[in-house]
Amino acid sequence: MNATPKVIVLKFGGSSLSTPELREIAASRVLEARTRGFAPVVVCSAIGRAPDPYATDTLVGLLGPARNGPNRDLLLAVGELISCAIFAELLTSWGAEAQAMTGAQAGIRTNSAWGDANIESVDPENLARAVARGVIPVVAGFQGADGTSSITTLGRGGSDLTAIAIGEALGAETVEIYTDVSGVMSGDPRRIAGAHTVDRVNWSEMVELAGNGAKVMHAKAARLAQHGTTPYVIKGLRSNFGTAIDEGTPIDRERPVTGVTALTDIAFVRIIPGEEDIPKRAELDRQLLQRIAERGVSIDMINVNAAGVFFVCDLENVDVVRDELKDMNLAVRIRTHCAKISIVGASMRGTPGVMYRVVRAVTDAGVEIIHSTDSNITISVLVPEEDASRAEQALHDAFRLGRKASEEPART
């Protein structure tokens, strides 16, 4: 009786498939997985980036301002279909039988939230049958099908979500996500001197990093992996080196921060209360938050207290917020062109003095702190956008993220 194959899921982003040379490197990673004793399942994003002809943003341009719906999702799914068919044929030409599959053929069922669908279930029967025959499934990422069999798409970065969901459904040993950078960085190397690849982070840290601006992982995929405790690795395609995401490293009070992230194009909204009594004030707070939610505006860094209601939103939603609140007779103050800088680290929980170090580092760098929020493993400060890089560098330096202790020069 044959043993159950050890499945590994390998996901390749669009930049990792954009040229014949890169596709050959990607194919070699799949065959290397076989030599390690795994049965590979591949997930592909659309080839390249705009203006490449089959990139998702290029396909979006063909429709112009078309609203989300089944026609738009059908078109946007084409990029991944082309990509997985080409990649499956490349593997086959190298002597490894491979079968391209749509998201629906791979068993991915979603709701009908066009353009940003949620995966409701994965039936891995077709995938498992192919693996049992020694065939490599090559699945189109970023897509599934709803209850009417209409093709749906999963939103930006949705191929990461496809890979994690398939890994969960198949009980994969691990998921390897290949990108054009070598894993999770301690900060954005384009803005922070000394930023380096972090060897290992835990699931909760990755959720916070992804949600606060780290571009290497789709936030919904990070949350799904955390829920199912699927171990995964984010690697550079060329380097084959990166970051392991699993239960993480032991708590280190001396080095409580794992990474620094930034989000820009943010507006800070302050809603200042009048002289209403407490019950009326509470009702106003509830109404204004309800109105914003019903307009589909996502808000963050929320604080409701006696001084007012404070939150941030994307710059593109400022007019919506202002319009929605204009008839409520409230004093609304909006400051645009802000940046949210966050530090993330599981070792921050229970470590005293972290917030003091944040405030000291940012203010010593001459940067104004407009607003702040914190949770167990994340502290975020809002700063003027023009000072964002200075704040990032100050925090990266203050928490000694640029060089690991074991790599520091010996003292004589």
Protein backbone atom coordinates (compact mmCIF):
# COMPACT_ATOMS: atom_id res chain seq x y z
CA MET A 1 0.00 0.00 0.00
CA ASN A 2 1.45 3.37 -1.01
CA ALA A 3 2.04 5.92 1.72
CA THR A 4 0.05 9.14 1.58
CA PRO A 5 2.17 11.65 -0.34
CA LYS A 6 3.60 14.61 1.55
CA VAL A 7 2.10 17.61 -0.20
CA ILE A 8 3.86 20.93 -0.59
CA VAL A 9 2.18 23.99 -2.15
CA LEU A 10 4.39 26.37 -4.13
CA LYS A 11 2.96 29.76 -5.09
CA PHE A 12 4.64 31.99 -7.68
CA GLY A 13 3.79 35.67 -7.93
CA GLY A 14 3.47 37.55 -11.20
CA SER A 15 6.95 39.06 -10.98
CA SER A 16 8.37 35.55 -10.52
CA LEU A 17 6.81 34.39 -13.80
CA SER A 18 7.32 37.47 -15.96
CA THR A 19 10.10 36.13 -18.23
CA PRO A 20 11.05 32.74 -19.69
CA GLU A 21 14.19 32.73 -17.51
CA LEU A 22 12.21 33.33 -14.32
CA ARG A 23 9.64 30.69 -15.27
CA GLU A 24 12.48 28.19 -15.70
CA ILE A 25 13.82 29.05 -12.24
CA ALA A 26 10.31 28.62 -10.84
CA ALA A 27 9.97 25.24 -12.57
CA SER A 28 13.31 24.17 -11.08
CA ARG A 29 11.95 24.99 -7.61
CA VAL A 30 8.99 22.67 -8.26
CA LEU A 31 11.24 19.81 -9.37
CA GLU A 32 13.57 20.40 -6.42
CA ALA A 33 10.56 19.90 -4.14
CA ARG A 34 10.04 16.53 -5.77
CA THR A 35 13.64 15.55 -5.07
CA ARG A 36 13.01 16.44 -1.41
CA GLY A 37 10.28 13.81 -1.35
CA PHE A 38 7.26 16.09 -1.69
CA ALA A 39 4.26 15.94 -4.02
CA PRO A 40 4.08 19.53 -5.33
CA VAL A 41 0.94 21.53 -6.01
CA VAL A 42 1.55 24.86 -7.77
CA VAL A 43 -0.42 28.13 -7.60
CA CYS A 44 0.27 30.83 -10.22
CA SER A 45 -0.48 34.53 -10.34
CA ALA A 46 -0.98 36.42 -13.60
CA ILE A 47 2.25 36.92 -15.54
CA GLY A 48 4.15 40.13 -14.87
CA ARG A 49 3.01 43.62 -13.98
CA ALA A 50 1.33 46.35 -16.02
CA PRO A 51 1.88 47.15 -18.86
CA ASP A 52 2.60 43.44 -19.53
CA PRO A 53 -0.32 42.22 -21.67
CA TYR A 54 -1.75 39.61 -19.28
CA ALA A 55 -1.10 41.36 -15.95
CA THR A 56 -4.19 42.00 -13.83
CA ASP A 57 -3.83 45.80 -13.96
CA THR A 58 -3.57 45.63 -17.75
CA LEU A 59 -6.80 43.64 -17.91
CA VAL A 60 -8.47 46.15 -15.58
CA GLY A 61 -7.54 48.88 -18.08
CA LEU A 62 -9.47 47.10 -20.84
CA LEU A 63 -12.71 47.62 -18.92
CA GLY A 64 -12.12 51.17 -17.79
CA PRO A 65 -14.54 52.25 -15.04
CA ALA A 66 -16.69 49.11 -15.19
CA ARG A 67 -18.26 48.27 -11.83
CA ASN A 68 -17.55 45.02 -10.00
CA GLY A 69 -19.64 42.15 -11.30
CA PRO A 70 -19.49 38.76 -12.99
CA ASN A 71 -18.30 40.17 -16.33
CA ARG A 72 -15.40 42.01 -14.73
CA ASP A 73 -14.36 39.00 -12.63
CA LEU A 74 -14.50 36.73 -15.67
CA LEU A 75 -12.07 38.99 -17.51
CA LEU A 76 -9.71 39.49 -14.56
CA ALA A 77 -9.45 35.72 -14.03
CA VAL A 78 -7.96 35.31 -17.52
CA GLY A 79 -4.46 36.40 -16.48
CA GLU A 80 -4.06 33.53 -14.02
CA LEU A 81 -5.54 31.02 -16.49
CA ILE A 82 -2.95 31.97 -19.10
CA SER A 83 -0.18 31.82 -16.52
CA CYS A 84 -1.00 28.37 -15.15
CA ALA A 85 -1.47 26.87 -18.63
CA ILE A 86 1.94 28.15 -19.75
CA PHE A 87 3.62 26.96 -16.56
CA ALA A 88 2.00 23.52 -16.69
CA GLU A 89 3.23 23.08 -20.26
CA LEU A 90 6.75 24.11 -19.21
CA LEU A 91 6.77 21.45 -16.49
CA THR A 92 5.42 18.88 -18.94
CA SER A 93 8.15 19.74 -21.46
CA TRP A 94 10.69 19.00 -18.73
CA GLY A 95 9.23 15.51 -18.24
CA ALA A 96 7.01 16.24 -15.22
CA GLU A 97 3.36 15.64 -16.06
CA ALA A 98 1.35 18.68 -15.01
CA GLN A 99 -2.30 19.70 -15.30
CA ALA A 100 -3.52 23.30 -15.35
CA MET A 101 -6.69 23.94 -13.34
CA THR A 102 -9.02 26.86 -12.80
CA GLY A 103 -9.79 27.82 -9.22
CA ALA A 104 -13.18 26.17 -9.60
CA GLN A 105 -11.63 22.93 -10.88
CA ALA A 106 -9.37 22.99 -7.82
CA GLY A 107 -12.51 23.01 -5.66
CA ILE A 108 -12.47 26.63 -4.47
CA ARG A 109 -15.98 27.82 -3.65
CA THR A 110 -16.64 31.44 -2.73
CA ASN A 111 -19.42 33.88 -2.02
CA SER A 112 -20.53 36.33 -4.72
CA ALA A 113 -18.71 39.44 -3.48
CA TRP A 114 -17.44 40.39 -6.95
CA GLY A 115 -13.86 41.62 -6.97
CA ASP A 116 -13.19 40.68 -3.33
CA ALA A 117 -14.81 37.30 -2.75
CA ASN A 118 -14.25 35.22 0.37
CA ILE A 119 -13.44 31.53 0.16
CA GLU A 120 -16.22 29.53 1.80
CA SER A 121 -14.87 26.02 1.23
CA VAL A 122 -12.29 24.01 -0.69
CA ASP A 123 -13.11 20.54 -2.02
CA PRO A 124 -9.66 19.05 -2.73
CA GLU A 125 -10.90 15.92 -4.53
CA ASN A 126 -9.58 16.85 -8.00
CA LEU A 127 -6.25 17.97 -6.56
CA ALA A 128 -5.83 14.86 -4.44
CA ARG A 129 -6.71 12.62 -7.39
CA ALA A 130 -4.08 14.30 -9.57
CA VAL A 131 -1.44 14.07 -6.85
CA ALA A 132 -2.19 10.37 -6.35
CA ARG A 133 -1.54 9.81 -10.09
CA GLY A 134 1.81 11.60 -9.87
CA VAL A 135 0.49 14.63 -11.75
CA ILE A 136 1.45 18.15 -10.64
CA PRO A 137 -1.66 20.35 -10.38
CA VAL A 138 -0.99 23.92 -11.50
CA VAL A 139 -3.83 26.05 -10.14
CA ALA A 140 -4.89 29.52 -11.25
CA GLY A 141 -4.68 31.72 -8.17
CA PHE A 142 -6.87 34.71 -7.28
CA GLN A 143 -10.12 33.00 -8.28
CA GLY A 144 -12.87 30.55 -7.45
CA ALA A 145 -16.53 30.04 -8.27
CA ASP A 146 -19.70 30.93 -6.41
CA GLY A 147 -22.85 28.87 -5.90
CA THR A 148 -23.99 29.50 -9.48
CA SER A 149 -20.59 28.40 -10.88
CA SER A 150 -19.78 31.99 -11.88
CA ILE A 151 -16.08 32.81 -11.73
CA THR A 152 -15.18 35.13 -8.85
CA THR A 153 -11.94 36.89 -7.93
CA LEU A 154 -10.44 37.18 -4.44
CA GLY A 155 -9.07 40.72 -4.39
CA ARG A 156 -5.53 42.08 -4.50
CA GLY A 157 -2.93 39.46 -3.63
CA GLY A 158 -5.59 36.75 -3.79
CA SER A 159 -3.18 34.11 -5.09
CA ASP A 160 -1.61 34.01 -1.61
CA LEU A 161 -5.08 33.23 -0.26
CA THR A 162 -5.51 30.47 -2.86
CA ALA A 163 -2.21 28.87 -1.84
CA ILE A 164 -2.95 28.92 1.90
CA ALA A 165 -6.51 27.62 1.40
CA ILE A 166 -5.31 24.75 -0.78
CA GLY A 167 -2.55 23.94 1.71
CA GLU A 168 -5.13 23.75 4.48
CA ALA A 169 -7.50 21.57 2.46
CA LEU A 170 -4.77 19.11 1.45
CA GLY A 171 -3.08 19.03 4.85
CA ALA A 172 0.15 20.22 3.21
CA GLU A 173 3.43 19.97 5.10
CA THR A 174 4.12 23.60 4.20
CA VAL A 175 3.37 26.34 1.69
CA GLU A 176 6.23 28.11 -0.10
CA ILE A 177 5.39 31.59 -1.42
CA TYR A 178 7.94 32.88 -3.94
CA THR A 179 8.31 36.60 -4.59
CA ASP A 180 10.89 39.04 -5.93
CA VAL A 181 12.18 39.79 -2.41
CA SER A 182 13.84 37.40 0.02
CA GLY A 183 11.15 37.14 2.66
CA VAL A 184 9.84 39.44 5.37
CA MET A 185 12.10 42.44 5.98
CA SER A 186 12.72 44.28 9.24
CA GLY A 187 11.71 47.42 7.31
CA ASP A 188 11.31 48.62 3.75
CA PRO A 189 14.86 48.53 2.30
CA ARG A 190 13.96 51.30 -0.14
CA ARG A 191 13.56 53.70 2.79
CA ILE A 192 15.43 52.18 5.74
CA ALA A 193 19.19 51.72 5.87
CA GLY A 194 20.16 48.38 7.39
CA ALA A 195 16.84 46.62 6.76
CA HIS A 196 17.35 42.85 6.50
CA THR A 197 15.41 39.61 6.08
CA VAL A 198 13.88 38.26 9.29
CA ASP A 199 14.53 34.54 9.65
CA ARG A 200 11.32 33.61 11.44
CA VAL A 201 8.08 35.24 12.59
CA ASN A 202 4.95 33.80 14.12
CA TRP A 203 1.48 33.75 12.58
CA SER A 204 0.17 36.67 14.67
CA GLU A 205 3.15 38.87 13.79
CA MET A 206 2.65 38.15 10.09
CA VAL A 207 -1.02 39.13 10.31
CA GLU A 208 -0.05 42.46 11.86
CA LEU A 209 2.84 43.09 9.47
CA ALA A 210 0.68 42.31 6.42
CA GLY A 211 -2.20 44.42 7.67
CA ASN A 212 0.02 47.41 8.40
CA GLY A 213 1.90 47.71 5.13
CA ALA A 214 4.29 44.79 4.56
CA LYS A 215 3.72 43.88 0.91
CA VAL A 216 5.12 40.34 0.89
CA MET A 217 1.91 38.64 2.05
CA HIS A 218 -1.82 39.12 1.45
CA ALA A 219 -3.46 40.09 4.77
CA LYS A 220 -6.45 37.76 4.32
CA ALA A 221 -4.08 34.88 3.57
CA ALA A 222 -2.05 35.63 6.70
CA ARG A 223 -5.24 35.52 8.80
CA LEU A 224 -6.33 32.23 7.23
CA ALA A 225 -2.92 30.67 7.89
CA GLN A 226 -3.05 31.86 11.50
CA HIS A 227 -6.50 30.34 11.98
CA GLY A 228 -5.42 26.98 10.57
CA THR A 229 -1.81 27.11 11.84
CA THR A 230 -0.46 26.26 8.40
CA PRO A 231 3.32 26.78 8.36
CA TYR A 232 4.56 28.66 5.33
CA VAL A 233 7.70 30.26 3.98
CA ILE A 234 8.08 33.49 2.00
CA LYS A 235 11.12 33.21 -0.28
CA GLY A 236 12.93 35.08 -2.98
CA LEU A 237 12.70 33.17 -6.25
CA ARG A 238 16.34 33.62 -7.19
CA SER A 239 17.83 33.36 -3.72
CA ASN A 240 15.61 30.48 -2.53
CA PHE A 241 16.01 32.14 0.88
CA GLY A 242 13.45 33.81 3.08
CA THR A 243 11.31 33.86 6.21
CA ALA A 244 9.56 30.96 7.94
CA ILE A 245 6.12 31.74 9.39
CA ASP A 246 5.10 29.29 12.10
CA GLU A 247 4.93 29.31 15.91
CA GLY A 248 7.79 31.81 15.90
CA THR A 249 10.81 32.28 18.13
CA PRO A 250 10.94 32.36 21.94
CA ILE A 251 10.07 35.63 23.67
CA ASP A 252 13.07 37.99 23.77
CA ARG A 253 12.58 40.96 26.11
CA GLU A 254 15.86 42.50 24.95
CA ARG A 255 14.65 42.62 21.33
CA PRO A 256 10.86 43.01 21.52
CA VAL A 257 10.27 44.30 17.96
CA THR A 258 10.33 42.19 14.80
CA GLY A 259 9.70 44.80 12.12
CA VAL A 260 8.64 48.33 11.16
CA THR A 261 5.94 49.01 8.54
CA ALA A 262 4.39 52.09 6.98
CA LEU A 263 1.11 53.04 5.30
CA THR A 264 0.80 56.37 3.51
CA ASP A 265 -2.01 58.41 1.91
CA ILE A 266 -3.92 58.48 5.18
CA ALA A 267 -6.17 61.15 6.68
CA PHE A 268 -6.70 61.79 10.39
CA VAL A 269 -10.28 62.61 11.38
CA ARG A 270 -11.21 64.29 14.68
CA ILE A 271 -14.85 64.73 15.64
CA ILE A 272 -15.14 67.11 18.56
CA PRO A 273 -18.17 66.80 20.83
CA GLY A 274 -20.51 69.57 21.81
CA GLU A 275 -22.15 70.09 25.18
CA GLU A 276 -24.55 67.13 24.96
CA ASP A 277 -25.19 65.01 28.03
CA ILE A 278 -23.61 61.56 28.18
CA PRO A 279 -26.59 59.52 26.80
CA LYS A 280 -27.04 61.87 23.82
CA ARG A 281 -23.31 61.96 23.19
CA ALA A 282 -23.14 58.14 23.15
CA GLU A 283 -25.99 58.03 20.63
CA LEU A 284 -24.18 60.54 18.37
CA ASP A 285 -20.99 58.48 18.51
CA ARG A 286 -22.95 55.37 17.56
CA GLN A 287 -24.74 57.12 14.69
CA LEU A 288 -21.63 58.61 13.13
CA LEU A 289 -19.72 55.32 13.25
CA GLN A 290 -22.75 53.50 11.82
CA ARG A 291 -23.04 55.96 8.92
CA ILE A 292 -19.38 55.56 8.03
CA ALA A 293 -19.67 51.77 8.16
CA GLU A 294 -22.76 51.76 5.96
CA ARG A 295 -20.86 53.75 3.32
CA GLY A 296 -18.28 50.98 3.21
CA VAL A 297 -15.42 53.12 4.55
CA SER A 298 -12.79 51.21 6.52
CA ILE A 299 -11.41 53.15 9.48
CA ASP A 300 -8.46 52.42 11.74
CA MET A 301 -6.59 53.75 14.81
CA ILE A 302 -9.99 54.36 16.40
CA ASN A 303 -10.33 56.09 19.76
CA VAL A 304 -13.64 57.12 21.35
CA ASN A 305 -13.38 59.10 24.59
CA ALA A 306 -14.55 62.26 26.34
CA ALA A 307 -12.41 64.40 24.02
CA GLY A 308 -14.15 63.12 20.89
CA VAL A 309 -14.00 60.42 18.22
CA PHE A 310 -10.68 59.93 16.45
CA PHE A 311 -9.79 57.65 13.56
CA VAL A 312 -7.89 57.42 10.29
CA CYS A 313 -9.07 56.47 6.82
CA ASP A 314 -7.58 56.28 3.35
CA LEU A 315 -7.17 59.67 1.71
CA GLU A 316 -9.52 58.63 -1.10
CA ASN A 317 -12.40 58.30 1.41
CA VAL A 318 -12.13 61.77 2.97
CA ASP A 319 -14.89 63.29 0.86
CA VAL A 320 -17.21 60.38 1.66
CA VAL A 321 -16.66 60.84 5.40
CA ARG A 322 -17.09 64.60 5.22
CA ASP A 323 -20.28 64.28 3.16
CA GLU A 324 -21.76 61.64 5.46
CA LEU A 325 -21.27 63.72 8.62
CA LYS A 326 -22.13 67.19 7.32
CA ASP A 327 -25.76 67.18 8.52
CA MET A 328 -24.98 65.94 12.06
CA ASN A 329 -23.98 69.38 13.40
CA LEU A 330 -20.60 68.10 14.52
CA ALA A 331 -17.21 69.82 14.52
CA VAL A 332 -15.19 67.68 12.09
CA ARG A 333 -11.47 68.33 11.66
CA ILE A 334 -9.56 66.44 8.96
CA ARG A 335 -5.79 66.40 8.53
CA THR A 336 -4.64 64.90 5.24
CA HIS A 337 -1.28 63.54 4.05
CA CYS A 338 -0.44 61.49 7.11
CA ALA A 339 1.43 58.19 7.44
CA LYS A 340 0.85 55.33 9.86
CA ILE A 341 4.12 53.87 11.17
CA SER A 342 3.83 50.59 13.09
CA ILE A 343 6.19 48.38 15.05
CA VAL A 344 5.24 44.71 15.43
CA GLY A 345 6.64 42.07 17.75
CA ALA A 346 5.26 39.23 19.85
CA SER A 347 7.88 39.99 22.52
CA MET A 348 6.33 43.44 23.09
CA ARG A 349 3.54 41.78 25.09
CA GLY A 350 4.38 42.27 28.77
CA THR A 351 7.63 44.14 28.06
CA PRO A 352 7.68 47.49 29.92
CA GLY A 353 8.88 50.71 28.34
CA VAL A 354 8.22 49.96 24.67
CA MET A 355 5.87 52.91 24.17
CA TYR A 356 8.35 55.21 25.90
CA ARG A 357 11.06 54.07 23.48
CA VAL A 358 8.74 54.71 20.53
CA VAL A 359 7.89 58.24 21.65
CA ARG A 360 11.51 59.03 22.46
CA ALA A 361 12.81 57.74 19.11
CA VAL A 362 10.23 59.56 17.00
CA THR A 363 10.34 62.87 18.83
CA ASP A 364 14.15 62.84 19.04
CA ALA A 365 14.09 62.54 15.25
CA GLY A 366 12.11 65.79 15.15
CA VAL A 367 8.90 64.11 13.96
CA GLU A 368 5.47 65.10 15.27
CA ILE A 369 3.26 62.34 16.67
CA ILE A 370 -0.29 63.23 15.63
CA HIS A 371 -2.08 60.21 17.10
CA SER A 372 -1.24 56.72 18.39
CA THR A 373 -2.85 53.36 19.14
CA ASP A 374 -1.55 50.07 20.46
CA SER A 375 -2.43 46.41 20.92
CA ASN A 376 -0.60 43.48 22.49
CA ILE A 377 1.92 43.13 19.67
CA THR A 378 1.58 46.36 17.64
CA ILE A 379 2.14 50.04 18.36
CA SER A 380 1.21 52.54 15.65
CA VAL A 381 1.94 56.26 15.47
CA LEU A 382 0.50 58.72 12.98
CA VAL A 383 3.02 61.22 11.62
CA PRO A 384 3.15 63.79 8.81
CA GLU A 385 3.68 61.92 5.55
CA GLU A 386 6.74 63.97 4.60
CA ASP A 387 8.44 62.73 7.80
CA ALA A 388 7.50 59.06 7.45
CA SER A 389 10.92 57.81 6.34
CA ARG A 390 12.62 59.66 9.20
CA ALA A 391 10.24 58.08 11.71
CA GLU A 392 10.74 54.60 10.23
CA GLN A 393 14.52 54.88 10.38
CA ALA A 394 14.42 56.21 13.93
CA LEU A 395 12.32 53.27 15.14
CA HIS A 396 14.39 50.74 13.20
CA ASP A 397 17.53 52.09 14.84
CA ALA A 398 16.02 52.47 18.32
CA PHE A 399 15.00 48.82 18.46
CA ARG A 400 18.29 47.58 16.93
CA LEU A 401 16.61 45.92 13.96
CA GLY A 402 19.41 46.55 11.50
CA ARG A 403 21.76 43.94 12.86
CA LYS A 404 21.13 40.87 14.95
CA ALA A 405 23.01 40.61 18.20
CA SER A 406 24.91 37.53 16.93
CA GLU A 407 26.09 39.56 13.92
CA GLU A 408 27.37 42.55 15.86
CA PRO A 409 31.11 43.09 15.76
CA ALA A 410 33.00 41.62 18.69
CA ARG A 411 34.00 44.14 21.35
CA THR A 412 37.66 44.29 22.31
